[in-house]
Amino acid sequence: METIGKIENGVITLEYDGQGYIYKNFEAFNNKTDEICYVPELCSDDEIMTVENSGTYNYKDFLELCQGMYDTDEDVKKWCDKNNVTSHMIAVDLFESVDWQHPETLLDDWLNHGAFKE
């Protein structure tokens, strides 16, 4: 699997991916590791982005976002239960879909546009 951008010695280098500059590590996400799998474009105000000063995400972060949405939104819960969709499945779709933004922003966009309604 491909990695977009790089992390070396704690310094994050974002790479352009069609919509914006990101770090995205498919292997780290798919293997469900604690390793950083995603860094969005607007993740730090500092000139040099490091693991310590930037908004980074790992698999568990994506899963928790999706599980939290499932647990707190009745429409999402009903839609997921009816369509046999798990939080993990939504997390996979979310990870594959983010291309510059924070995952929370894309989830909000999905919710606002009725992605989990019949």
PDB file of N, CA and C in Angstrom:
ATOM      1  N   MET A   1       0.834  -1.198   0.000  1.00  0.00           N
ATOM      2  CA  MET A   1       0.000   0.000   0.000  1.00  0.00           C
ATOM      3  C   MET A   1       0.871   1.252   0.000  1.00  0.00           C
ATOM      4  N   GLU A   2       0.299   2.257  -0.508  1.00  0.00           N
ATOM      5  CA  GLU A   2       0.966   3.537  -0.688  1.00  0.00           C
ATOM      6  C   GLU A   2       0.978   4.365   0.594  1.00  0.00           C
ATOM      7  N   THR A   3       2.011   5.159   0.772  1.00  0.00           N
ATOM      8  CA  THR A   3       2.062   6.173   1.817  1.00  0.00           C
ATOM      9  C   THR A   3       2.251   7.514   1.132  1.00  0.00           C
ATOM     10  N   ILE A   4       1.438   8.471   1.510  1.00  0.00           N
ATOM     11  CA  ILE A   4       1.514   9.819   0.951  1.00  0.00           C
ATOM     12  C   ILE A   4       2.154  10.701   2.011  1.00  0.00           C
ATOM     13  N   GLY A   5       3.253  11.356   1.677  1.00  0.00           N
ATOM     14  CA  GLY A   5       3.996  12.148   2.650  1.00  0.00           C
ATOM     15  C   GLY A   5       4.955  11.266   3.415  1.00  0.00           C
ATOM     16  N   LYS A   6       5.572  11.835   4.450  1.00  0.00           N
ATOM     17  CA  LYS A   6       6.489  11.020   5.251  1.00  0.00           C
ATOM     18  C   LYS A   6       6.643  11.596   6.646  1.00  0.00           C
ATOM     19  N   ILE A   7       7.075  10.727   7.538  1.00  0.00           N
ATOM     20  CA  ILE A   7       7.444  11.118   8.900  1.00  0.00           C
ATOM     21  C   ILE A   7       8.836  10.565   9.139  1.00  0.00           C
ATOM     22  N   GLU A   8       9.775  11.468   9.382  1.00  0.00           N
ATOM     23  CA  GLU A   8      11.154  11.072   9.663  1.00  0.00           C
ATOM     24  C   GLU A   8      11.647  11.834  10.880  1.00  0.00           C
ATOM     25  N   ASN A   9      12.147  11.094  11.851  1.00  0.00           N
ATOM     26  CA  ASN A   9      12.681  11.694  13.076  1.00  0.00           C
ATOM     27  C   ASN A   9      11.677  12.640  13.733  1.00  0.00           C
ATOM     28  N   GLY A  10      10.395  12.276  13.671  1.00  0.00           N
ATOM     29  CA  GLY A  10       9.352  13.067  14.307  1.00  0.00           C
ATOM     30  C   GLY A  10       8.883  14.272  13.512  1.00  0.00           C
ATOM     31  N   VAL A  11       9.482  14.524  12.353  1.00  0.00           N
ATOM     32  CA  VAL A  11       9.092  15.656  11.510  1.00  0.00           C
ATOM     33  C   VAL A  11       8.169  15.145  10.401  1.00  0.00           C
ATOM     34  N   ILE A  12       7.032  15.819  10.242  1.00  0.00           N
ATOM     35  CA  ILE A  12       6.026  15.415   9.268  1.00  0.00           C
ATOM     36  C   ILE A  12       6.186  16.243   7.999  1.00  0.00           C
ATOM     37  N   THR A  13       6.263  15.562   6.868  1.00  0.00           N
ATOM     38  CA  THR A  13       6.277  16.217   5.563  1.00  0.00           C
ATOM     39  C   THR A  13       5.010  15.804   4.824  1.00  0.00           C
ATOM     40  N   LEU A  14       4.156  16.797   4.572  1.00  0.00           N
ATOM     41  CA  LEU A  14       2.920  16.526   3.848  1.00  0.00           C
ATOM     42  C   LEU A  14       3.205  16.502   2.356  1.00  0.00           C
ATOM     43  N   GLU A  15       2.377  15.761   1.631  1.00  0.00           N
ATOM     44  CA  GLU A  15       2.527  15.647   0.181  1.00  0.00           C
ATOM     45  C   GLU A  15       1.184  15.941  -0.480  1.00  0.00           C
ATOM     46  N   TYR A  16       1.223  16.569  -1.654  1.00  0.00           N
ATOM     47  CA  TYR A  16      -0.009  16.909  -2.371  1.00  0.00           C
ATOM     48  C   TYR A  16      -0.670  15.641  -2.897  1.00  0.00           C
ATOM     49  N   ASP A  17      -2.007  15.567  -2.708  1.00  0.00           N
ATOM     50  CA  ASP A  17      -2.750  14.385  -3.144  1.00  0.00           C
ATOM     51  C   ASP A  17      -4.036  14.768  -3.878  1.00  0.00           C
ATOM     52  N   GLY A  18      -3.952  15.704  -4.781  1.00  0.00           N
ATOM     53  CA  GLY A  18      -5.097  16.047  -5.607  1.00  0.00           C
ATOM     54  C   GLY A  18      -6.023  17.097  -5.032  1.00  0.00           C
ATOM     55  N   GLN A  19      -6.234  17.109  -3.729  1.00  0.00           N
ATOM     56  CA  GLN A  19      -7.097  18.098  -3.083  1.00  0.00           C
ATOM     57  C   GLN A  19      -6.325  18.993  -2.123  1.00  0.00           C
ATOM     58  N   GLY A  20      -5.292  18.448  -1.512  1.00  0.00           N
ATOM     59  CA  GLY A  20      -4.530  19.206  -0.533  1.00  0.00           C
ATOM     60  C   GLY A  20      -3.297  18.440  -0.110  1.00  0.00           C
ATOM     61  N   TYR A  21      -2.583  19.004   0.853  1.00  0.00           N
ATOM     62  CA  TYR A  21      -1.351  18.415   1.365  1.00  0.00           C
ATOM     63  C   TYR A  21      -1.656  17.614   2.618  1.00  0.00           C
ATOM     64  N   ILE A  22      -1.263  16.340   2.602  1.00  0.00           N
ATOM     65  CA  ILE A  22      -1.581  15.429   3.708  1.00  0.00           C
ATOM     66  C   ILE A  22      -0.439  14.437   3.939  1.00  0.00           C
ATOM     67  N   TYR A  23      -0.549  13.732   5.055  1.00  0.00           N
ATOM     68  CA  TYR A  23       0.211  12.502   5.291  1.00  0.00           C
ATOM     69  C   TYR A  23      -0.845  11.426   5.446  1.00  0.00           C
ATOM     70  N   LYS A  24      -0.693  10.325   4.709  1.00  0.00           N
ATOM     71  CA  LYS A  24      -1.667   9.227   4.778  1.00  0.00           C
ATOM     72  C   LYS A  24      -0.927   7.908   4.604  1.00  0.00           C
ATOM     73  N   ASN A  25      -1.026   7.063   5.640  1.00  0.00           N
ATOM     74  CA  ASN A  25      -0.337   5.783   5.650  1.00  0.00           C
ATOM     75  C   ASN A  25      -1.373   4.658   5.677  1.00  0.00           C
ATOM     76  N   PHE A  26      -1.626   4.081   4.506  1.00  0.00           N
ATOM     77  CA  PHE A  26      -2.652   3.042   4.368  1.00  0.00           C
ATOM     78  C   PHE A  26      -2.292   1.785   5.161  1.00  0.00           C
ATOM     79  N   GLU A  27      -1.031   1.433   5.177  1.00  0.00           N
ATOM     80  CA  GLU A  27      -0.607   0.227   5.893  1.00  0.00           C
ATOM     81  C   GLU A  27      -0.861   0.362   7.389  1.00  0.00           C
ATOM     82  N   ALA A  28      -0.530   1.509   7.958  1.00  0.00           N
ATOM     83  CA  ALA A  28      -0.756   1.719   9.397  1.00  0.00           C
ATOM     84  C   ALA A  28      -2.245   1.640   9.728  1.00  0.00           C
ATOM     85  N   PHE A  29      -3.083   2.200   8.866  1.00  0.00           N
ATOM     86  CA  PHE A  29      -4.526   2.138   9.108  1.00  0.00           C
ATOM     87  C   PHE A  29      -5.034   0.709   8.959  1.00  0.00           C
ATOM     88  N   ASN A  30      -4.712   0.070   7.857  1.00  0.00           N
ATOM     89  CA  ASN A  30      -5.234  -1.271   7.579  1.00  0.00           C
ATOM     90  C   ASN A  30      -4.762  -2.311   8.584  1.00  0.00           C
ATOM     91  N   ASN A  31      -3.581  -2.107   9.156  1.00  0.00           N
ATOM     92  CA  ASN A  31      -3.071  -3.031  10.177  1.00  0.00           C
ATOM     93  C   ASN A  31      -3.544  -2.666  11.579  1.00  0.00           C
ATOM     94  N   LYS A  32      -4.341  -1.592  11.680  1.00  0.00           N
ATOM     95  CA  LYS A  32      -4.942  -1.154  12.945  1.00  0.00           C
ATOM     96  C   LYS A  32      -3.893  -0.905  14.025  1.00  0.00           C
ATOM     97  N   THR A  33      -2.780  -0.291  13.627  1.00  0.00           N
ATOM     98  CA  THR A  33      -1.706  -0.017  14.581  1.00  0.00           C
ATOM     99  C   THR A  33      -1.952   1.301  15.302  1.00  0.00           C
ATOM    100  N   ASP A  34      -1.126   1.582  16.297  1.00  0.00           N
ATOM    101  CA  ASP A  34      -1.140   2.876  16.981  1.00  0.00           C
ATOM    102  C   ASP A  34      -0.324   3.914  16.218  1.00  0.00           C
ATOM    103  N   GLU A  35       0.301   3.479  15.137  1.00  0.00           N
ATOM    104  CA  GLU A  35       1.113   4.359  14.313  1.00  0.00           C
ATOM    105  C   GLU A  35       0.229   5.430  13.653  1.00  0.00           C
ATOM    106  N   ILE A  36       0.780   6.605  13.436  1.00  0.00           N
ATOM    107  CA  ILE A  36       0.042   7.678  12.770  1.00  0.00           C
ATOM    108  C   ILE A  36      -0.305   7.228  11.351  1.00  0.00           C
ATOM    109  N   CYS A  37      -1.588   7.382  11.006  1.00  0.00           N
ATOM    110  CA  CYS A  37      -2.007   7.006   9.651  1.00  0.00           C
ATOM    111  C   CYS A  37      -2.496   8.203   8.847  1.00  0.00           C
ATOM    112  N   TYR A  38      -2.799   9.329   9.510  1.00  0.00           N
ATOM    113  CA  TYR A  38      -3.318  10.479   8.774  1.00  0.00           C
ATOM    114  C   TYR A  38      -2.980  11.781   9.479  1.00  0.00           C
ATOM    115  N   VAL A  39      -2.541  12.746   8.669  1.00  0.00           N
ATOM    116  CA  VAL A  39      -2.316  14.108   9.138  1.00  0.00           C
ATOM    117  C   VAL A  39      -2.961  15.022   8.099  1.00  0.00           C
ATOM    118  N   PRO A  40      -3.976  15.807   8.492  1.00  0.00           N
ATOM    119  CA  PRO A  40      -4.649  16.679   7.534  1.00  0.00           C
ATOM    120  C   PRO A  40      -3.827  17.920   7.197  1.00  0.00           C
ATOM    121  N   GLU A  41      -4.271  18.604   6.163  1.00  0.00           N
ATOM    122  CA  GLU A  41      -3.549  19.769   5.662  1.00  0.00           C
ATOM    123  C   GLU A  41      -3.381  20.856   6.724  1.00  0.00           C
ATOM    124  N   LEU A  42      -4.427  21.209   7.392  1.00  0.00           N
ATOM    125  CA  LEU A  42      -4.378  22.306   8.359  1.00  0.00           C
ATOM    126  C   LEU A  42      -4.244  21.763   9.773  1.00  0.00           C
ATOM    127  N   CYS A  43      -3.134  21.112  10.042  1.00  0.00           N
ATOM    128  CA  CYS A  43      -2.984  20.408  11.322  1.00  0.00           C
ATOM    129  C   CYS A  43      -2.092  21.130  12.314  1.00  0.00           C
ATOM    130  N   SER A  44      -1.424  22.199  11.882  1.00  0.00           N
ATOM    131  CA  SER A  44      -0.498  22.877  12.779  1.00  0.00           C
ATOM    132  C   SER A  44      -0.284  24.312  12.322  1.00  0.00           C
ATOM    133  N   ASP A  45      -0.117  25.191  13.294  1.00  0.00           N
ATOM    134  CA  ASP A  45       0.220  26.583  12.985  1.00  0.00           C
ATOM    135  C   ASP A  45       1.726  26.789  12.947  1.00  0.00           C
ATOM    136  N   ASP A  46       2.473  25.783  13.364  1.00  0.00           N
ATOM    137  CA  ASP A  46       3.928  25.893  13.400  1.00  0.00           C
ATOM    138  C   ASP A  46       4.513  25.714  12.003  1.00  0.00           C
ATOM    139  N   GLU A  47       5.624  26.376  11.760  1.00  0.00           N
ATOM    140  CA  GLU A  47       6.276  26.283  10.455  1.00  0.00           C
ATOM    141  C   GLU A  47       6.788  24.877  10.182  1.00  0.00           C
ATOM    142  N   ILE A  48       7.346  24.247  11.206  1.00  0.00           N
ATOM    143  CA  ILE A  48       7.824  22.867  11.077  1.00  0.00           C
ATOM    144  C   ILE A  48       6.845  21.977  11.839  1.00  0.00           C
ATOM    145  N   MET A  49       6.222  21.069  11.119  1.00  0.00           N
ATOM    146  CA  MET A  49       5.255  20.170  11.738  1.00  0.00           C
ATOM    147  C   MET A  49       5.965  18.963  12.323  1.00  0.00           C
ATOM    148  N   THR A  50       5.674  18.706  13.578  1.00  0.00           N
ATOM    149  CA  THR A  50       6.225  17.526  14.228  1.00  0.00           C
ATOM    150  C   THR A  50       5.081  16.683  14.777  1.00  0.00           C
ATOM    151  N   VAL A  51       5.395  15.479  15.146  1.00  0.00           N
ATOM    152  CA  VAL A  51       4.408  14.577  15.732  1.00  0.00           C
ATOM    153  C   VAL A  51       3.820  15.206  16.993  1.00  0.00           C
ATOM    154  N   GLU A  52       4.613  15.978  17.726  1.00  0.00           N
ATOM    155  CA  GLU A  52       4.173  16.564  18.988  1.00  0.00           C
ATOM    156  C   GLU A  52       3.273  17.777  18.802  1.00  0.00           C
ATOM    157  N   ASN A  53       3.461  18.570  17.743  1.00  0.00           N
ATOM    158  CA  ASN A  53       2.713  19.828  17.626  1.00  0.00           C
ATOM    159  C   ASN A  53       1.620  19.804  16.566  1.00  0.00           C
ATOM    160  N   SER A  54       1.304  18.650  16.041  1.00  0.00           N
ATOM    161  CA  SER A  54       0.339  18.566  14.946  1.00  0.00           C
ATOM    162  C   SER A  54      -0.839  17.671  15.308  1.00  0.00           C
ATOM    163  N   GLY A  55      -1.950  17.907  14.634  1.00  0.00           N
ATOM    164  CA  GLY A  55      -3.130  17.062  14.806  1.00  0.00           C
ATOM    165  C   GLY A  55      -2.964  15.797  13.991  1.00  0.00           C
ATOM    166  N   THR A  56      -2.666  14.704  14.660  1.00  0.00           N
ATOM    167  CA  THR A  56      -2.437  13.431  13.970  1.00  0.00           C
ATOM    168  C   THR A  56      -3.523  12.433  14.352  1.00  0.00           C
ATOM    169  N   TYR A  57      -3.701  11.435  13.516  1.00  0.00           N
ATOM    170  CA  TYR A  57      -4.724  10.416  13.736  1.00  0.00           C
ATOM    171  C   TYR A  57      -4.145   9.026  13.497  1.00  0.00           C
ATOM    172  N   ASN A  58      -4.606   8.065  14.308  1.00  0.00           N
ATOM    173  CA  ASN A  58      -4.289   6.664  14.056  1.00  0.00           C
ATOM    174  C   ASN A  58      -5.611   5.913  13.849  1.00  0.00           C
ATOM    175  N   TYR A  59      -5.517   4.620  13.611  1.00  0.00           N
ATOM    176  CA  TYR A  59      -6.727   3.825  13.349  1.00  0.00           C
ATOM    177  C   TYR A  59      -7.755   3.985  14.470  1.00  0.00           C
ATOM    178  N   LYS A  60      -7.295   3.910  15.704  1.00  0.00           N
ATOM    179  CA  LYS A  60      -8.203   3.987  16.854  1.00  0.00           C
ATOM    180  C   LYS A  60      -8.956   5.317  16.869  1.00  0.00           C
ATOM    181  N   ASP A  61      -8.304   6.398  16.473  1.00  0.00           N
ATOM    182  CA  ASP A  61      -8.969   7.701  16.420  1.00  0.00           C
ATOM    183  C   ASP A  61     -10.133   7.684  15.432  1.00  0.00           C
ATOM    184  N   PHE A  62      -9.892   7.108  14.248  1.00  0.00           N
ATOM    185  CA  PHE A  62     -10.960   7.004  13.252  1.00  0.00           C
ATOM    186  C   PHE A  62     -12.109   6.149  13.779  1.00  0.00           C
ATOM    187  N   LEU A  63     -11.778   5.016  14.376  1.00  0.00           N
ATOM    188  CA  LEU A  63     -12.801   4.115  14.899  1.00  0.00           C
ATOM    189  C   LEU A  63     -13.613   4.793  16.006  1.00  0.00           C
ATOM    190  N   GLU A  64     -12.944   5.492  16.911  1.00  0.00           N
ATOM    191  CA  GLU A  64     -13.644   6.166  18.006  1.00  0.00           C
ATOM    192  C   GLU A  64     -14.561   7.270  17.501  1.00  0.00           C
ATOM    193  N   LEU A  65     -14.133   8.008  16.484  1.00  0.00           N
ATOM    194  CA  LEU A  65     -15.001   9.035  15.885  1.00  0.00           C
ATOM    195  C   LEU A  65     -16.289   8.399  15.351  1.00  0.00           C
ATOM    196  N   CYS A  66     -16.136   7.309  14.643  1.00  0.00           N
ATOM    197  CA  CYS A  66     -17.289   6.652  14.030  1.00  0.00           C
ATOM    198  C   CYS A  66     -18.164   5.970  15.068  1.00  0.00           C
ATOM    199  N   GLN A  67     -17.548   5.359  16.066  1.00  0.00           N
ATOM    200  CA  GLN A  67     -18.322   4.727  17.139  1.00  0.00           C
ATOM    201  C   GLN A  67     -19.074   5.791  17.930  1.00  0.00           C
ATOM    202  N   GLY A  68     -18.434   6.921  18.183  1.00  0.00           N
ATOM    203  CA  GLY A  68     -19.089   8.013  18.891  1.00  0.00           C
ATOM    204  C   GLY A  68     -20.298   8.534  18.140  1.00  0.00           C
ATOM    205  N   MET A  69     -20.173   8.652  16.824  1.00  0.00           N
ATOM    206  CA  MET A  69     -21.284   9.102  16.001  1.00  0.00           C
ATOM    207  C   MET A  69     -22.422   8.075  16.065  1.00  0.00           C
ATOM    208  N   TYR A  70     -22.085   6.809  15.988  1.00  0.00           N
ATOM    209  CA  TYR A  70     -23.084   5.732  16.068  1.00  0.00           C
ATOM    210  C   TYR A  70     -23.799   5.769  17.421  1.00  0.00           C
ATOM    211  N   ASP A  71     -23.037   5.971  18.491  1.00  0.00           N
ATOM    212  CA  ASP A  71     -23.596   5.949  19.840  1.00  0.00           C
ATOM    213  C   ASP A  71     -24.476   7.154  20.149  1.00  0.00           C
ATOM    214  N   THR A  72     -24.262   8.286  19.481  1.00  0.00           N
ATOM    215  CA  THR A  72     -24.964   9.510  19.858  1.00  0.00           C
ATOM    216  C   THR A  72     -26.000   9.991  18.847  1.00  0.00           C
ATOM    217  N   ASP A  73     -26.036   9.440  17.658  1.00  0.00           N
ATOM    218  CA  ASP A  73     -26.974   9.900  16.628  1.00  0.00           C
ATOM    219  C   ASP A  73     -27.938   8.773  16.270  1.00  0.00           C
ATOM    220  N   GLU A  74     -29.204   8.937  16.631  1.00  0.00           N
ATOM    221  CA  GLU A  74     -30.206   7.887  16.414  1.00  0.00           C
ATOM    222  C   GLU A  74     -30.374   7.548  14.941  1.00  0.00           C
ATOM    223  N   ASP A  75     -30.342   8.555  14.054  1.00  0.00           N
ATOM    224  CA  ASP A  75     -30.485   8.299  12.619  1.00  0.00           C
ATOM    225  C   ASP A  75     -29.343   7.428  12.113  1.00  0.00           C
ATOM    226  N   VAL A  76     -28.136   7.730  12.559  1.00  0.00           N
ATOM    227  CA  VAL A  76     -26.976   6.942  12.147  1.00  0.00           C
ATOM    228  C   VAL A  76     -27.110   5.509  12.655  1.00  0.00           C
ATOM    229  N   LYS A  77     -27.488   5.375  13.911  1.00  0.00           N
ATOM    230  CA  LYS A  77     -27.647   4.035  14.503  1.00  0.00           C
ATOM    231  C   LYS A  77     -28.678   3.208  13.733  1.00  0.00           C
ATOM    232  N   LYS A  78     -29.822   3.809  13.431  1.00  0.00           N
ATOM    233  CA  LYS A  78     -30.869   3.098  12.691  1.00  0.00           C
ATOM    234  C   LYS A  78     -30.382   2.697  11.303  1.00  0.00           C
ATOM    235  N   TRP A  79     -29.728   3.643  10.607  1.00  0.00           N
ATOM    236  CA  TRP A  79     -29.243   3.370   9.255  1.00  0.00           C
ATOM    237  C   TRP A  79     -28.199   2.252   9.272  1.00  0.00           C
ATOM    238  N   CYS A  80     -27.262   2.324  10.202  1.00  0.00           N
ATOM    239  CA  CYS A  80     -26.205   1.302  10.302  1.00  0.00           C
ATOM    240  C   CYS A  80     -26.796  -0.063  10.624  1.00  0.00           C
ATOM    241  N   ASP A  81     -27.708  -0.110  11.582  1.00  0.00           N
ATOM    242  CA  ASP A  81     -28.317  -1.378  11.962  1.00  0.00           C
ATOM    243  C   ASP A  81     -29.112  -1.973  10.804  1.00  0.00           C
ATOM    244  N   LYS A  82     -29.864  -1.140  10.098  1.00  0.00           N
ATOM    245  CA  LYS A  82     -30.674  -1.611   8.973  1.00  0.00           C
ATOM    246  C   LYS A  82     -29.802  -2.131   7.833  1.00  0.00           C
ATOM    247  N   ASN A  83     -28.668  -1.486   7.606  1.00  0.00           N
ATOM    248  CA  ASN A  83     -27.798  -1.836   6.482  1.00  0.00           C
ATOM    249  C   ASN A  83     -26.619  -2.723   6.881  1.00  0.00           C
ATOM    250  N   ASN A  84     -26.632  -3.183   8.147  1.00  0.00           N
ATOM    251  CA  ASN A  84     -25.577  -4.058   8.651  1.00  0.00           C
ATOM    252  C   ASN A  84     -24.182  -3.441   8.472  1.00  0.00           C
ATOM    253  N   VAL A  85     -24.078  -2.165   8.832  1.00  0.00           N
ATOM    254  CA  VAL A  85     -22.825  -1.414   8.722  1.00  0.00           C
ATOM    255  C   VAL A  85     -22.254  -1.210  10.119  1.00  0.00           C
ATOM    256  N   THR A  86     -20.972  -1.504  10.276  1.00  0.00           N
ATOM    257  CA  THR A  86     -20.309  -1.360  11.574  1.00  0.00           C
ATOM    258  C   THR A  86     -19.519  -0.057  11.636  1.00  0.00           C
ATOM    259  N   SER A  87     -19.133   0.315  12.836  1.00  0.00           N
ATOM    260  CA  SER A  87     -18.278   1.495  13.011  1.00  0.00           C
ATOM    261  C   SER A  87     -16.960   1.322  12.274  1.00  0.00           C
ATOM    262  N   HIS A  88     -16.441   0.106  12.266  1.00  0.00           N
ATOM    263  CA  HIS A  88     -15.196  -0.163  11.533  1.00  0.00           C
ATOM    264  C   HIS A  88     -15.384   0.127  10.043  1.00  0.00           C
ATOM    265  N   MET A  89     -16.514  -0.284   9.487  1.00  0.00           N
ATOM    266  CA  MET A  89     -16.759  -0.057   8.063  1.00  0.00           C
ATOM    267  C   MET A  89     -16.842   1.442   7.745  1.00  0.00           C
ATOM    268  N   ILE A  90     -17.473   2.203   8.626  1.00  0.00           N
ATOM    269  CA  ILE A  90     -17.541   3.649   8.429  1.00  0.00           C
ATOM    270  C   ILE A  90     -16.148   4.253   8.573  1.00  0.00           C
ATOM    271  N   ALA A  91     -15.371   3.766   9.535  1.00  0.00           N
ATOM    272  CA  ALA A  91     -14.007   4.266   9.725  1.00  0.00           C
ATOM    273  C   ALA A  91     -13.150   4.030   8.482  1.00  0.00           C
ATOM    274  N   VAL A  92     -13.299   2.868   7.862  1.00  0.00           N
ATOM    275  CA  VAL A  92     -12.557   2.566   6.628  1.00  0.00           C
ATOM    276  C   VAL A  92     -12.953   3.552   5.537  1.00  0.00           C
ATOM    277  N   ASP A  93     -14.247   3.759   5.365  1.00  0.00           N
ATOM    278  CA  ASP A  93     -14.727   4.691   4.343  1.00  0.00           C
ATOM    279  C   ASP A  93     -14.239   6.107   4.634  1.00  0.00           C
ATOM    280  N   LEU A  94     -14.282   6.487   5.893  1.00  0.00           N
ATOM    281  CA  LEU A  94     -13.819   7.817   6.291  1.00  0.00           C
ATOM    282  C   LEU A  94     -12.334   7.991   5.992  1.00  0.00           C
ATOM    283  N   PHE A  95     -11.530   7.010   6.386  1.00  0.00           N
ATOM    284  CA  PHE A  95     -10.087   7.089   6.128  1.00  0.00           C
ATOM    285  C   PHE A  95      -9.804   7.184   4.632  1.00  0.00           C
ATOM    286  N   GLU A  96     -10.478   6.359   3.856  1.00  0.00           N
ATOM    287  CA  GLU A  96     -10.245   6.367   2.413  1.00  0.00           C
ATOM    288  C   GLU A  96     -10.723   7.664   1.763  1.00  0.00           C
ATOM    289  N   SER A  97     -11.686   8.352   2.380  1.00  0.00           N
ATOM    290  CA  SER A  97     -12.281   9.548   1.793  1.00  0.00           C
ATOM    291  C   SER A  97     -11.586  10.853   2.164  1.00  0.00           C
ATOM    292  N   VAL A  98     -10.990  10.928   3.355  1.00  0.00           N
ATOM    293  CA  VAL A  98     -10.349  12.199   3.729  1.00  0.00           C
ATOM    294  C   VAL A  98      -9.192  12.480   2.776  1.00  0.00           C
ATOM    295  N   ASP A  99      -9.159  13.715   2.277  1.00  0.00           N
ATOM    296  CA  ASP A  99      -8.105  14.040   1.317  1.00  0.00           C
ATOM    297  C   ASP A  99      -7.470  15.406   1.565  1.00  0.00           C
ATOM    298  N   TRP A 100      -7.830  16.057   2.630  1.00  0.00           N
ATOM    299  CA  TRP A 100      -7.155  17.275   3.092  1.00  0.00           C
ATOM    300  C   TRP A 100      -7.698  17.725   4.439  1.00  0.00           C
ATOM    301  N   GLN A 101      -8.973  17.380   4.702  1.00  0.00           N
ATOM    302  CA  GLN A 101      -9.659  17.888   5.876  1.00  0.00           C
ATOM    303  C   GLN A 101      -9.483  16.977   7.093  1.00  0.00           C
ATOM    304  N   HIS A 102      -9.882  17.519   8.230  1.00  0.00           N
ATOM    305  CA  HIS A 102      -9.921  16.704   9.441  1.00  0.00           C
ATOM    306  C   HIS A 102     -11.060  15.699   9.306  1.00  0.00           C
ATOM    307  N   PRO A 103     -10.898  14.494   9.833  1.00  0.00           N
ATOM    308  CA  PRO A 103     -11.969  13.490   9.743  1.00  0.00           C
ATOM    309  C   PRO A 103     -13.282  13.968  10.365  1.00  0.00           C
ATOM    310  N   GLU A 104     -13.204  14.724  11.450  1.00  0.00           N
ATOM    311  CA  GLU A 104     -14.415  15.240  12.086  1.00  0.00           C
ATOM    312  C   GLU A 104     -15.200  16.128  11.115  1.00  0.00           C
ATOM    313  N   THR A 105     -14.479  16.911  10.323  1.00  0.00           N
ATOM    314  CA  THR A 105     -15.121  17.807   9.359  1.00  0.00           C
ATOM    315  C   THR A 105     -15.858  17.011   8.289  1.00  0.00           C
ATOM    316  N   LEU A 106     -15.234  15.970   7.782  1.00  0.00           N
ATOM    317  CA  LEU A 106     -15.885  15.156   6.762  1.00  0.00           C
ATOM    318  C   LEU A 106     -17.083  14.409   7.337  1.00  0.00           C
ATOM    319  N   LEU A 107     -16.969  13.891   8.549  1.00  0.00           N
ATOM    320  CA  LEU A 107     -18.117  13.229   9.194  1.00  0.00           C
ATOM    321  C   LEU A 107     -19.280  14.206   9.329  1.00  0.00           C
ATOM    322  N   ASP A 108     -19.004  15.423   9.786  1.00  0.00           N
ATOM    323  CA  ASP A 108     -20.049  16.445   9.901  1.00  0.00           C
ATOM    324  C   ASP A 108     -20.686  16.721   8.547  1.00  0.00           C
ATOM    325  N   ASP A 109     -19.872  16.795   7.520  1.00  0.00           N
ATOM    326  CA  ASP A 109     -20.376  17.026   6.169  1.00  0.00           C
ATOM    327  C   ASP A 109     -21.305  15.884   5.749  1.00  0.00           C
ATOM    328  N   TRP A 110     -20.897  14.652   6.004  1.00  0.00           N
ATOM    329  CA  TRP A 110     -21.739  13.501   5.683  1.00  0.00           C
ATOM    330  C   TRP A 110     -23.080  13.587   6.420  1.00  0.00           C
ATOM    331  N   LEU A 111     -23.018  13.918   7.717  1.00  0.00           N
ATOM    332  CA  LEU A 111     -24.234  14.009   8.513  1.00  0.00           C
ATOM    333  C   LEU A 111     -25.146  15.136   8.000  1.00  0.00           C
ATOM    334  N   ASN A 112     -24.560  16.279   7.699  1.00  0.00           N
ATOM    335  CA  ASN A 112     -25.340  17.430   7.236  1.00  0.00           C
ATOM    336  C   ASN A 112     -25.990  17.208   5.874  1.00  0.00           C
ATOM    337  N   HIS A 113     -25.412  16.300   5.090  1.00  0.00           N
ATOM    338  CA  HIS A 113     -25.959  16.024   3.763  1.00  0.00           C
ATOM    339  C   HIS A 113     -26.734  14.696   3.705  1.00  0.00           C
ATOM    340  N   GLY A 114     -27.077  14.165   4.882  1.00  0.00           N
ATOM    341  CA  GLY A 114     -27.954  13.003   4.945  1.00  0.00           C
ATOM    342  C   GLY A 114     -27.365  11.679   4.507  1.00  0.00           C
ATOM    343  N   ALA A 115     -26.068  11.523   4.644  1.00  0.00           N
ATOM    344  CA  ALA A 115     -25.422  10.282   4.195  1.00  0.00           C
ATOM    345  C   ALA A 115     -25.924   9.043   4.949  1.00  0.00           C
ATOM    346  N   PHE A 116     -26.468   9.243   6.142  1.00  0.00           N
ATOM    347  CA  PHE A 116     -26.910   8.096   6.949  1.00  0.00           C
ATOM    348  C   PHE A 116     -28.413   8.072   7.122  1.00  0.00           C
ATOM    349  N   LYS A 117     -29.118   8.562   6.111  1.00  0.00           N
ATOM    350  CA  LYS A 117     -30.580   8.534   6.137  1.00  0.00           C
ATOM    351  C   LYS A 117     -31.068   7.800   4.903  1.00  0.00           C
ATOM    352  N   GLU A 118     -32.220   7.201   5.046  1.00  0.00           N
ATOM    353  CA  GLU A 118     -32.821   6.471   3.915  1.00  0.00           C
ATOM    354  C   GLU A 118     -33.364   7.444   2.908  1.00  0.00           C
TER     355      GLU A 118
END
